[in-house]
Amino acid sequence: MSDRAGTLISQGAPTSLAVVVPIVIIVALVLAWVFAPTLVAGVSRGEFALVTAFLGGGAAWLSGRSMAHTWRSYRQAVLYALLLACVVRFFHYALFQGTLLSLHYFIVDAAFVISVTTLGFRAERANQMATRYGWIYRRSGPFGWTEDASRASAGNSA
């Protein structure tokens, strides 16, 4: 049972926690941005959209992809995402006179940035696994890969 749970996370299942949790976090933050903007945005909705979503999210997606592209570990991607969340918080302070040292808004920014970094990491890793190990794996959605069915059936018949 524990091997199967580890496989869902490490082998790239499209329904793994590494895909579902970041999507749920992003959806929750977008819903909060729409219905209760003071929970996620210190100054205004536009400020959150520009700095956190556009600048921070774009940089997070690219950094997650570059970490996976160079075969670095996911832990390193999360570390860089935390540093990026600090930069996003500073941009809120420097550009829009937001609070610099707000734990609440830092957690919001960090959750968003780590989630987008994770999805970027998974998208690139899925691409790598399907292209570089095409004889073993095939792409399974934008964030996952599975073992090729023809290989699995050939292994069972041998």
N, C-alpha and C. Protein backbone atom coordinates (compact mmCIF):
# COMPACT_ATOMS: atom_id res chain seq x y z
N MET A 1 0.83 -1.20 0.00
CA MET A 1 0.00 0.00 0.00
C MET A 1 0.87 1.25 0.00
N SER A 2 1.91 1.28 0.80
CA SER A 2 2.76 2.47 0.85
C SER A 2 3.53 2.64 -0.45
N ASP A 3 3.88 1.53 -1.13
CA ASP A 3 4.54 1.65 -2.42
C ASP A 3 3.62 2.29 -3.44
N ARG A 4 2.35 1.92 -3.42
CA ARG A 4 1.40 2.49 -4.36
C ARG A 4 1.20 3.98 -4.10
N ALA A 5 1.13 4.38 -2.83
CA ALA A 5 0.97 5.81 -2.51
C ALA A 5 2.20 6.58 -2.95
N GLY A 6 3.39 6.01 -2.75
CA GLY A 6 4.60 6.67 -3.22
C GLY A 6 4.64 6.76 -4.72
N THR A 7 4.10 5.75 -5.40
CA THR A 7 4.08 5.74 -6.86
C THR A 7 3.19 6.85 -7.39
N LEU A 8 2.06 7.09 -6.74
CA LEU A 8 1.17 8.14 -7.20
C LEU A 8 1.84 9.50 -7.17
N ILE A 9 2.73 9.72 -6.23
CA ILE A 9 3.41 11.01 -6.14
C ILE A 9 4.65 11.03 -7.01
N SER A 10 5.46 9.99 -6.96
CA SER A 10 6.75 10.04 -7.62
C SER A 10 6.71 9.64 -9.09
N GLN A 11 5.75 8.84 -9.51
CA GLN A 11 5.75 8.36 -10.88
C GLN A 11 4.96 9.23 -11.84
N GLY A 12 4.40 10.30 -11.40
CA GLY A 12 3.78 11.24 -12.32
C GLY A 12 2.33 11.01 -12.63
N ALA A 13 1.60 10.36 -11.75
CA ALA A 13 0.17 10.18 -11.99
C ALA A 13 -0.50 11.55 -12.06
N PRO A 14 -1.38 11.75 -13.03
CA PRO A 14 -2.03 13.06 -13.15
C PRO A 14 -2.95 13.39 -11.99
N THR A 15 -3.29 12.41 -11.18
CA THR A 15 -4.14 12.65 -10.01
C THR A 15 -3.34 12.66 -8.72
N SER A 16 -2.02 12.80 -8.81
CA SER A 16 -1.20 12.78 -7.61
C SER A 16 -1.38 14.05 -6.79
N LEU A 17 -0.98 13.97 -5.55
CA LEU A 17 -1.07 15.14 -4.67
C LEU A 17 -0.22 16.29 -5.18
N ALA A 18 0.86 15.99 -5.89
CA ALA A 18 1.73 17.03 -6.42
C ALA A 18 1.06 17.83 -7.53
N VAL A 19 -0.06 17.37 -8.03
CA VAL A 19 -0.82 18.10 -9.05
C VAL A 19 -2.10 18.67 -8.46
N VAL A 20 -2.80 17.87 -7.70
CA VAL A 20 -4.11 18.27 -7.19
C VAL A 20 -4.02 19.39 -6.16
N VAL A 21 -3.10 19.27 -5.22
CA VAL A 21 -3.00 20.28 -4.15
C VAL A 21 -2.67 21.67 -4.69
N PRO A 22 -1.66 21.83 -5.58
CA PRO A 22 -1.42 23.17 -6.11
C PRO A 22 -2.60 23.75 -6.88
N ILE A 23 -3.32 22.91 -7.63
CA ILE A 23 -4.48 23.41 -8.35
C ILE A 23 -5.55 23.88 -7.38
N VAL A 24 -5.79 23.13 -6.32
CA VAL A 24 -6.79 23.51 -5.31
C VAL A 24 -6.38 24.82 -4.64
N ILE A 25 -5.10 24.98 -4.32
CA ILE A 25 -4.63 26.22 -3.69
C ILE A 25 -4.83 27.40 -4.62
N ILE A 26 -4.48 27.26 -5.89
CA ILE A 26 -4.64 28.36 -6.84
C ILE A 26 -6.11 28.72 -7.01
N VAL A 27 -6.97 27.73 -7.14
CA VAL A 27 -8.41 28.00 -7.28
C VAL A 27 -8.94 28.69 -6.03
N ALA A 28 -8.52 28.25 -4.85
CA ALA A 28 -8.98 28.88 -3.60
C ALA A 28 -8.52 30.33 -3.52
N LEU A 29 -7.29 30.60 -3.93
CA LEU A 29 -6.80 31.99 -3.89
C LEU A 29 -7.51 32.86 -4.91
N VAL A 30 -7.81 32.33 -6.08
CA VAL A 30 -8.56 33.11 -7.08
C VAL A 30 -9.97 33.39 -6.59
N LEU A 31 -10.62 32.40 -5.99
CA LEU A 31 -11.96 32.63 -5.43
C LEU A 31 -11.92 33.66 -4.31
N ALA A 32 -10.91 33.59 -3.47
CA ALA A 32 -10.77 34.59 -2.41
C ALA A 32 -10.51 35.97 -3.01
N TRP A 33 -9.74 36.02 -4.09
CA TRP A 33 -9.46 37.28 -4.76
C TRP A 33 -10.74 37.90 -5.31
N VAL A 34 -11.67 37.06 -5.78
CA VAL A 34 -12.92 37.56 -6.34
C VAL A 34 -13.91 37.95 -5.25
N PHE A 35 -14.09 37.08 -4.25
CA PHE A 35 -15.17 37.28 -3.28
C PHE A 35 -14.74 37.95 -1.98
N ALA A 36 -13.48 37.83 -1.59
CA ALA A 36 -12.99 38.45 -0.36
C ALA A 36 -11.58 38.98 -0.60
N PRO A 37 -11.44 40.05 -1.38
CA PRO A 37 -10.11 40.50 -1.79
C PRO A 37 -9.19 40.91 -0.65
N THR A 38 -9.74 41.30 0.48
CA THR A 38 -8.86 41.70 1.59
C THR A 38 -8.11 40.52 2.18
N LEU A 39 -8.57 39.29 1.91
CA LEU A 39 -7.85 38.11 2.40
C LEU A 39 -6.56 37.87 1.65
N VAL A 40 -6.51 38.26 0.38
CA VAL A 40 -5.33 37.96 -0.43
C VAL A 40 -4.57 39.19 -0.89
N ALA A 41 -5.24 40.32 -1.00
CA ALA A 41 -4.59 41.53 -1.52
C ALA A 41 -4.55 42.59 -0.45
N GLY A 42 -3.36 43.10 -0.19
CA GLY A 42 -3.20 44.12 0.83
C GLY A 42 -3.72 45.48 0.41
N VAL A 43 -3.52 45.85 -0.84
CA VAL A 43 -3.90 47.18 -1.30
C VAL A 43 -5.11 47.12 -2.23
N SER A 44 -5.01 46.37 -3.32
CA SER A 44 -6.11 46.29 -4.27
C SER A 44 -6.06 44.97 -5.04
N ARG A 45 -7.15 44.69 -5.73
CA ARG A 45 -7.20 43.49 -6.57
C ARG A 45 -6.20 43.57 -7.71
N GLY A 46 -6.12 44.74 -8.30
CA GLY A 46 -5.19 44.92 -9.42
C GLY A 46 -3.75 44.71 -9.01
N GLU A 47 -3.41 45.17 -7.83
CA GLU A 47 -2.05 44.97 -7.31
C GLU A 47 -1.74 43.49 -7.16
N PHE A 48 -2.68 42.72 -6.62
CA PHE A 48 -2.47 41.28 -6.48
C PHE A 48 -2.35 40.62 -7.84
N ALA A 49 -3.22 41.02 -8.77
CA ALA A 49 -3.19 40.43 -10.11
C ALA A 49 -1.87 40.73 -10.82
N LEU A 50 -1.40 41.96 -10.72
CA LEU A 50 -0.17 42.34 -11.42
C LEU A 50 1.06 41.73 -10.77
N VAL A 51 1.23 41.96 -9.47
CA VAL A 51 2.48 41.57 -8.82
C VAL A 51 2.50 40.07 -8.51
N THR A 52 1.50 39.58 -7.82
CA THR A 52 1.54 38.17 -7.40
C THR A 52 1.24 37.23 -8.55
N ALA A 53 0.13 37.46 -9.24
CA ALA A 53 -0.28 36.51 -10.28
C ALA A 53 0.58 36.63 -11.55
N PHE A 54 0.73 37.84 -12.07
CA PHE A 54 1.42 38.00 -13.35
C PHE A 54 2.94 37.92 -13.20
N LEU A 55 3.52 38.79 -12.38
CA LEU A 55 4.97 38.79 -12.23
C LEU A 55 5.46 37.58 -11.43
N GLY A 56 4.90 37.38 -10.24
CA GLY A 56 5.33 36.26 -9.40
C GLY A 56 4.96 34.92 -10.00
N GLY A 57 3.75 34.80 -10.53
CA GLY A 57 3.32 33.54 -11.14
C GLY A 57 4.12 33.21 -12.39
N GLY A 58 4.39 34.21 -13.21
CA GLY A 58 5.20 33.97 -14.40
C GLY A 58 6.61 33.55 -14.07
N ALA A 59 7.22 34.23 -13.12
CA ALA A 59 8.57 33.86 -12.70
C ALA A 59 8.57 32.48 -12.03
N ALA A 60 7.52 32.18 -11.28
CA ALA A 60 7.43 30.87 -10.61
C ALA A 60 7.30 29.75 -11.64
N TRP A 61 6.46 29.94 -12.64
CA TRP A 61 6.29 28.93 -13.69
C TRP A 61 7.63 28.67 -14.40
N LEU A 62 8.30 29.75 -14.76
CA LEU A 62 9.58 29.60 -15.47
C LEU A 62 10.65 28.98 -14.57
N SER A 63 10.69 29.35 -13.30
CA SER A 63 11.70 28.77 -12.42
C SER A 63 11.42 27.30 -12.15
N GLY A 64 10.16 26.92 -12.00
CA GLY A 64 9.81 25.52 -11.84
C GLY A 64 10.20 24.69 -13.05
N ARG A 65 9.93 25.24 -14.23
CA ARG A 65 10.31 24.54 -15.46
C ARG A 65 11.83 24.42 -15.59
N SER A 66 12.55 25.48 -15.24
CA SER A 66 14.00 25.43 -15.38
C SER A 66 14.63 24.47 -14.37
N MET A 67 14.05 24.37 -13.18
CA MET A 67 14.54 23.39 -12.20
C MET A 67 14.36 21.97 -12.72
N ALA A 68 13.21 21.69 -13.28
CA ALA A 68 12.96 20.35 -13.82
C ALA A 68 13.81 20.11 -15.06
N HIS A 69 13.97 21.13 -15.89
CA HIS A 69 14.73 20.98 -17.14
C HIS A 69 16.18 20.60 -16.87
N THR A 70 16.74 21.10 -15.79
CA THR A 70 18.13 20.79 -15.44
C THR A 70 18.21 19.62 -14.46
N TRP A 71 17.11 18.88 -14.28
CA TRP A 71 17.04 17.70 -13.45
C TRP A 71 17.41 17.97 -12.00
N ARG A 72 17.08 19.17 -11.52
CA ARG A 72 17.29 19.47 -10.11
C ARG A 72 16.12 18.93 -9.30
N SER A 73 16.31 18.87 -8.00
CA SER A 73 15.28 18.28 -7.15
C SER A 73 14.12 19.25 -6.94
N TYR A 74 12.99 18.68 -6.58
CA TYR A 74 11.82 19.49 -6.29
C TYR A 74 12.05 20.36 -5.06
N ARG A 75 12.82 19.85 -4.09
CA ARG A 75 13.12 20.65 -2.88
C ARG A 75 13.82 21.95 -3.24
N GLN A 76 14.72 21.89 -4.20
CA GLN A 76 15.43 23.09 -4.62
C GLN A 76 14.45 24.06 -5.29
N ALA A 77 13.51 23.54 -6.03
CA ALA A 77 12.49 24.41 -6.65
C ALA A 77 11.66 25.11 -5.59
N VAL A 78 11.32 24.40 -4.52
CA VAL A 78 10.53 25.01 -3.44
C VAL A 78 11.35 26.08 -2.72
N LEU A 79 12.63 25.83 -2.52
CA LEU A 79 13.49 26.83 -1.89
C LEU A 79 13.54 28.11 -2.72
N TYR A 80 13.70 27.97 -4.02
CA TYR A 80 13.71 29.14 -4.89
C TYR A 80 12.35 29.82 -4.93
N ALA A 81 11.28 29.05 -4.81
CA ALA A 81 9.95 29.64 -4.78
C ALA A 81 9.75 30.48 -3.51
N LEU A 82 10.30 30.03 -2.39
CA LEU A 82 10.21 30.82 -1.16
C LEU A 82 10.98 32.13 -1.29
N LEU A 83 12.14 32.07 -1.92
CA LEU A 83 12.89 33.30 -2.18
C LEU A 83 12.12 34.23 -3.12
N LEU A 84 11.48 33.64 -4.11
CA LEU A 84 10.67 34.43 -5.03
C LEU A 84 9.48 35.06 -4.31
N ALA A 85 8.91 34.36 -3.36
CA ALA A 85 7.80 34.93 -2.57
C ALA A 85 8.28 36.14 -1.78
N CYS A 86 9.51 36.11 -1.30
CA CYS A 86 10.08 37.28 -0.62
C CYS A 86 10.20 38.46 -1.58
N VAL A 87 10.60 38.18 -2.79
CA VAL A 87 10.72 39.23 -3.81
C VAL A 87 9.34 39.79 -4.15
N VAL A 88 8.35 38.93 -4.28
CA VAL A 88 6.98 39.38 -4.56
C VAL A 88 6.49 40.28 -3.44
N ARG A 89 6.76 39.88 -2.20
CA ARG A 89 6.34 40.70 -1.06
C ARG A 89 7.03 42.06 -1.10
N PHE A 90 8.32 42.08 -1.48
CA PHE A 90 9.03 43.34 -1.58
C PHE A 90 8.43 44.23 -2.68
N PHE A 91 8.05 43.63 -3.80
CA PHE A 91 7.43 44.41 -4.88
C PHE A 91 6.12 45.03 -4.42
N HIS A 92 5.34 44.30 -3.62
CA HIS A 92 4.11 44.88 -3.08
C HIS A 92 4.44 46.11 -2.24
N TYR A 93 5.48 46.01 -1.45
CA TYR A 93 5.91 47.12 -0.58
C TYR A 93 6.47 48.28 -1.40
N ALA A 94 7.37 48.00 -2.32
CA ALA A 94 8.07 49.06 -3.05
C ALA A 94 7.18 49.75 -4.08
N LEU A 95 6.32 49.02 -4.75
CA LEU A 95 5.52 49.61 -5.82
C LEU A 95 4.17 50.14 -5.36
N PHE A 96 3.57 49.52 -4.34
CA PHE A 96 2.21 49.88 -3.96
C PHE A 96 2.05 50.24 -2.49
N GLN A 97 3.15 50.47 -1.79
CA GLN A 97 3.14 50.81 -0.37
C GLN A 97 2.39 49.78 0.47
N GLY A 98 2.51 48.52 0.09
CA GLY A 98 1.92 47.44 0.89
C GLY A 98 2.80 47.17 2.09
N THR A 99 2.34 46.31 2.95
CA THR A 99 3.14 45.97 4.14
C THR A 99 4.21 44.96 3.75
N LEU A 100 5.44 45.25 4.14
CA LEU A 100 6.56 44.39 3.79
C LEU A 100 6.60 43.16 4.68
N LEU A 101 6.48 43.34 5.97
CA LEU A 101 6.63 42.25 6.92
C LEU A 101 5.28 41.79 7.45
N SER A 102 4.44 41.32 6.56
CA SER A 102 3.14 40.80 6.93
C SER A 102 3.17 39.28 6.73
N LEU A 103 3.07 38.55 7.82
CA LEU A 103 3.10 37.09 7.73
C LEU A 103 1.90 36.57 6.93
N HIS A 104 0.74 37.16 7.15
CA HIS A 104 -0.47 36.74 6.45
C HIS A 104 -0.29 36.84 4.93
N TYR A 105 0.10 38.01 4.45
CA TYR A 105 0.23 38.20 3.00
C TYR A 105 1.44 37.45 2.44
N PHE A 106 2.48 37.24 3.25
CA PHE A 106 3.60 36.43 2.78
C PHE A 106 3.16 34.99 2.57
N ILE A 107 2.35 34.46 3.47
CA ILE A 107 1.86 33.09 3.32
C ILE A 107 1.00 32.97 2.06
N VAL A 108 0.17 33.98 1.80
CA VAL A 108 -0.65 33.97 0.59
C VAL A 108 0.24 33.98 -0.65
N ASP A 109 1.21 34.90 -0.69
CA ASP A 109 2.12 34.98 -1.83
C ASP A 109 2.93 33.69 -1.99
N ALA A 110 3.43 33.17 -0.88
CA ALA A 110 4.23 31.95 -0.93
C ALA A 110 3.40 30.76 -1.40
N ALA A 111 2.18 30.65 -0.93
CA ALA A 111 1.32 29.54 -1.36
C ALA A 111 1.07 29.60 -2.86
N PHE A 112 0.80 30.80 -3.36
CA PHE A 112 0.56 30.95 -4.80
C PHE A 112 1.81 30.64 -5.60
N VAL A 113 2.93 31.21 -5.19
CA VAL A 113 4.18 31.04 -5.93
C VAL A 113 4.65 29.58 -5.89
N ILE A 114 4.57 28.93 -4.74
CA ILE A 114 4.98 27.53 -4.64
C ILE A 114 4.05 26.65 -5.49
N SER A 115 2.77 26.95 -5.50
CA SER A 115 1.83 26.17 -6.30
C SER A 115 2.13 26.29 -7.79
N VAL A 116 2.38 27.49 -8.25
CA VAL A 116 2.68 27.69 -9.67
C VAL A 116 4.04 27.08 -10.02
N THR A 117 5.01 27.20 -9.12
CA THR A 117 6.31 26.56 -9.33
C THR A 117 6.15 25.05 -9.45
N THR A 118 5.34 24.47 -8.59
CA THR A 118 5.10 23.03 -8.62
C THR A 118 4.48 22.61 -9.95
N LEU A 119 3.51 23.36 -10.42
CA LEU A 119 2.87 23.01 -11.69
C LEU A 119 3.83 23.17 -12.86
N GLY A 120 4.65 24.21 -12.84
CA GLY A 120 5.66 24.37 -13.88
C GLY A 120 6.67 23.24 -13.85
N PHE A 121 7.07 22.85 -12.66
CA PHE A 121 8.00 21.74 -12.49
C PHE A 121 7.40 20.45 -13.04
N ARG A 122 6.15 20.18 -12.69
CA ARG A 122 5.49 18.96 -13.15
C ARG A 122 5.25 18.96 -14.65
N ALA A 123 4.92 20.11 -15.22
CA ALA A 123 4.70 20.18 -16.67
C ALA A 123 5.99 19.85 -17.42
N GLU A 124 7.09 20.41 -16.98
CA GLU A 124 8.37 20.13 -17.64
C GLU A 124 8.82 18.69 -17.40
N ARG A 125 8.63 18.19 -16.18
CA ARG A 125 9.04 16.82 -15.89
C ARG A 125 8.21 15.83 -16.71
N ALA A 126 6.92 16.09 -16.87
CA ALA A 126 6.08 15.21 -17.70
C ALA A 126 6.56 15.22 -19.14
N ASN A 127 6.93 16.39 -19.63
CA ASN A 127 7.47 16.49 -20.98
C ASN A 127 8.77 15.71 -21.10
N GLN A 128 9.65 15.86 -20.12
CA GLN A 128 10.92 15.14 -20.14
C GLN A 128 10.72 13.63 -20.12
N MET A 129 9.87 13.16 -19.25
CA MET A 129 9.68 11.72 -19.12
C MET A 129 9.09 11.13 -20.40
N ALA A 130 8.18 11.86 -21.04
CA ALA A 130 7.56 11.34 -22.26
C ALA A 130 8.50 11.42 -23.47
N THR A 131 9.36 12.43 -23.53
CA THR A 131 10.24 12.55 -24.69
C THR A 131 11.55 11.80 -24.51
N ARG A 132 12.15 11.87 -23.36
CA ARG A 132 13.45 11.23 -23.16
C ARG A 132 13.34 9.74 -22.85
N TYR A 133 12.23 9.35 -22.28
CA TYR A 133 12.02 7.94 -21.96
C TYR A 133 10.74 7.46 -22.65
N GLY A 134 10.62 7.81 -23.92
CA GLY A 134 9.41 7.49 -24.69
C GLY A 134 9.14 6.01 -24.85
N TRP A 135 10.16 5.17 -24.74
CA TRP A 135 9.95 3.73 -24.85
C TRP A 135 9.34 3.15 -23.58
N ILE A 136 9.35 3.93 -22.50
CA ILE A 136 8.77 3.46 -21.24
C ILE A 136 7.49 4.21 -20.89
N TYR A 137 7.50 5.54 -21.04
CA TYR A 137 6.40 6.37 -20.58
C TYR A 137 5.75 7.11 -21.73
N ARG A 138 4.49 7.46 -21.51
CA ARG A 138 3.79 8.35 -22.42
C ARG A 138 3.14 9.45 -21.59
N ARG A 139 2.86 10.54 -22.24
CA ARG A 139 2.27 11.70 -21.56
C ARG A 139 0.85 11.38 -21.12
N SER A 140 0.49 11.83 -19.95
CA SER A 140 -0.85 11.63 -19.43
C SER A 140 -1.36 12.96 -18.89
N GLY A 141 -1.83 13.82 -19.77
CA GLY A 141 -2.28 15.14 -19.38
C GLY A 141 -1.12 16.11 -19.31
N PRO A 142 -1.39 17.34 -18.96
CA PRO A 142 -0.33 18.35 -18.95
C PRO A 142 0.68 18.19 -17.82
N PHE A 143 0.32 17.48 -16.75
CA PHE A 143 1.21 17.38 -15.60
C PHE A 143 1.59 15.95 -15.22
N GLY A 144 1.31 14.99 -16.06
CA GLY A 144 1.58 13.62 -15.67
C GLY A 144 2.09 12.74 -16.79
N TRP A 145 2.56 11.58 -16.41
CA TRP A 145 3.01 10.57 -17.35
C TRP A 145 2.67 9.21 -16.76
N THR A 146 2.46 8.24 -17.64
CA THR A 146 2.16 6.88 -17.21
C THR A 146 3.01 5.90 -18.00
N GLU A 147 3.07 4.71 -17.50
CA GLU A 147 3.81 3.67 -18.21
C GLU A 147 3.05 3.34 -19.49
N ASP A 148 3.78 3.18 -20.58
CA ASP A 148 3.18 2.89 -21.87
C ASP A 148 2.47 1.54 -21.82
N ALA A 149 1.22 1.49 -22.25
CA ALA A 149 0.42 0.27 -22.18
C ALA A 149 1.00 -0.84 -23.05
N SER A 150 1.57 -0.49 -24.19
CA SER A 150 2.13 -1.52 -25.07
C SER A 150 3.35 -2.16 -24.42
N ARG A 151 4.12 -1.39 -23.69
CA ARG A 151 5.28 -1.96 -22.99
C ARG A 151 4.83 -2.85 -21.84
N ALA A 152 3.79 -2.40 -21.12
CA ALA A 152 3.30 -3.20 -19.99
C ALA A 152 2.72 -4.52 -20.46
N SER A 153 1.99 -4.52 -21.60
CA SER A 153 1.43 -5.77 -22.11
C SER A 153 2.51 -6.67 -22.67
N ALA A 154 3.58 -6.11 -23.25
CA ALA A 154 4.69 -6.92 -23.76
C ALA A 154 5.45 -7.54 -22.59
N GLY A 155 5.56 -6.83 -21.49
CA GLY A 155 6.24 -7.36 -20.31
C GLY A 155 5.45 -8.48 -19.67
N ASN A 156 4.12 -8.41 -19.70
CA ASN A 156 3.28 -9.45 -19.11
C ASN A 156 3.28 -10.73 -19.94
N SER A 157 3.40 -10.60 -21.28
CA SER A 157 3.35 -11.78 -22.13
C SER A 157 4.68 -12.51 -22.20
N ALA A 158 5.77 -11.84 -21.83
CA ALA A 158 7.10 -12.46 -21.92
C ALA A 158 7.43 -13.36 -20.78
